[in-house]
Amino acid sequence: MFGKMFDIVGKLETAKKNVEAAKKRLDNVLIDAEAGNGLVKVTVTGNRAVKSLSIADEALQDKEMLEDYLILALNKALGEAGKMQEAELKKAATDALPNIPGLDGLL
């Protein structure tokens, strides 16, 4: 009984290390998105941190349009980053915890 419990604790520790490593990797993954046919470009990391933002001069003429393009570009990039992050963290956790009953529905 205690052997299984220690095995599970070991797997949890491995899963935690795997998740931390995945988070570090995601800091180096860059995701680009644009809106308005390239008038606004944004780059975010896999951990959803904005790394760069580029606005073409033409977009500066119309404040409302610029705001819309910023929202669109950021939502695209952050949405992709969120999907990527979720998949990477789930994989990191489940690789270390493959045979624990009931865990499938949680991850």
Protein backbone atom coordinates (compact mmCIF):
# COMPACT_ATOMS: atom_id res chain seq x y z
CA MET A 1 0.00 0.00 0.00
CA PHE A 2 2.71 2.50 0.99
CA GLY A 3 4.79 1.47 -2.01
CA LYS A 4 2.03 2.56 -4.36
CA MET A 5 1.61 5.80 -2.44
CA PHE A 6 5.34 6.58 -2.70
CA ASP A 7 5.20 5.73 -6.40
CA ILE A 8 2.35 8.20 -6.90
CA VAL A 9 4.19 10.90 -4.92
CA GLY A 10 7.26 10.31 -7.10
CA LYS A 11 5.15 10.59 -10.24
CA LEU A 12 3.61 13.82 -8.96
CA GLU A 13 7.06 15.28 -8.36
CA THR A 14 8.12 14.25 -11.86
CA ALA A 15 4.96 15.80 -13.29
CA LYS A 16 5.68 19.05 -11.45
CA LYS A 17 9.22 19.13 -12.86
CA ASN A 18 7.90 18.37 -16.35
CA VAL A 19 5.36 21.20 -16.11
CA GLU A 20 8.01 23.68 -14.94
CA ALA A 21 10.28 22.65 -17.83
CA ALA A 22 7.40 23.07 -20.27
CA LYS A 23 6.71 26.57 -18.92
CA LYS A 24 10.35 27.52 -19.46
CA ARG A 25 10.23 26.15 -23.02
CA LEU A 26 7.07 28.14 -23.73
CA ASP A 27 8.90 31.34 -22.82
CA ASN A 28 11.01 30.76 -25.94
CA VAL A 29 8.16 29.93 -28.30
CA LEU A 30 7.02 32.97 -30.28
CA ILE A 31 3.59 33.30 -31.86
CA ASP A 32 2.91 35.99 -34.44
CA ALA A 33 -0.49 37.40 -35.39
CA GLU A 34 -1.66 40.34 -37.44
CA ALA A 35 -4.78 42.28 -38.24
CA GLY A 36 -5.80 44.76 -40.91
CA ASN A 37 -3.74 43.07 -43.63
CA GLY A 38 -0.58 43.54 -41.61
CA LEU A 39 -1.24 47.06 -40.34
CA VAL A 40 -0.94 45.71 -36.79
CA LYS A 41 1.40 42.87 -35.89
CA VAL A 42 1.94 41.32 -32.49
CA THR A 43 4.26 38.64 -31.14
CA VAL A 44 3.60 36.79 -27.89
CA THR A 45 5.33 33.93 -26.10
CA GLY A 46 3.79 30.53 -25.51
CA ASN A 47 3.21 31.76 -21.95
CA ARG A 48 1.08 34.63 -23.28
CA ALA A 49 3.51 37.48 -22.66
CA VAL A 50 3.51 40.21 -25.32
CA LYS A 51 7.02 40.47 -26.81
CA SER A 52 6.52 42.97 -29.61
CA LEU A 53 3.92 45.14 -31.25
CA SER A 54 4.18 46.83 -34.62
CA ILE A 55 1.78 49.44 -35.98
CA ALA A 56 1.98 50.73 -39.54
CA ASP A 57 1.77 54.50 -39.98
CA GLU A 58 -1.49 54.17 -41.95
CA ALA A 59 -3.18 52.63 -38.90
CA LEU A 60 -2.44 55.73 -36.84
CA GLN A 61 -4.91 57.79 -38.87
CA ASP A 62 -8.03 56.16 -37.40
CA LYS A 63 -8.03 55.60 -33.63
CA GLU A 64 -11.08 53.32 -33.55
CA MET A 65 -9.76 51.18 -36.38
CA LEU A 66 -6.38 50.90 -34.65
CA GLU A 67 -8.03 49.85 -31.41
CA ASP A 68 -10.03 47.18 -33.26
CA TYR A 69 -6.93 45.87 -35.04
CA LEU A 70 -4.98 45.76 -31.78
CA ILE A 71 -7.74 43.77 -30.12
CA LEU A 72 -7.99 41.38 -33.08
CA ALA A 73 -4.25 40.78 -33.34
CA LEU A 74 -3.78 40.34 -29.60
CA ASN A 75 -6.75 37.99 -29.30
CA LYS A 76 -5.47 35.86 -32.18
CA ALA A 77 -1.97 35.58 -30.73
CA LEU A 78 -3.10 35.05 -27.16
CA GLY A 79 -5.67 32.48 -28.24
CA GLU A 80 -3.04 30.46 -30.08
CA ALA A 81 -0.65 30.79 -27.15
CA GLY A 82 -3.35 29.60 -24.77
CA LYS A 83 -4.06 26.51 -26.87
CA MET A 84 -0.37 25.75 -27.14
CA GLN A 85 0.23 26.28 -23.43
CA GLU A 86 -2.70 24.07 -22.44
CA ALA A 87 -1.56 21.26 -24.72
CA GLU A 88 2.08 21.45 -23.58
CA LEU A 89 1.26 21.53 -19.87
CA LYS A 90 -1.24 18.71 -20.20
CA LYS A 91 1.30 16.59 -22.05
CA ALA A 92 4.01 17.37 -19.48
CA ALA A 93 1.74 16.32 -16.62
CA THR A 94 0.24 13.22 -18.22
CA ASP A 95 3.60 11.90 -19.42
CA ALA A 96 4.60 11.47 -15.78
CA LEU A 97 1.17 10.31 -14.59
CA PRO A 98 0.02 7.79 -17.21
CA ASN A 99 -1.77 5.20 -15.07
CA ILE A 100 -3.54 6.95 -12.23
CA PRO A 101 -7.26 6.10 -12.30
CA GLY A 102 -9.59 9.09 -12.48
CA LEU A 103 -6.88 11.54 -13.49
CA ASP A 104 -7.89 11.53 -17.17
CA GLY A 105 -10.86 13.79 -16.52
CA LEU A 106 -8.83 16.29 -14.54
CA LEU A 107 -6.09 16.99 -17.09
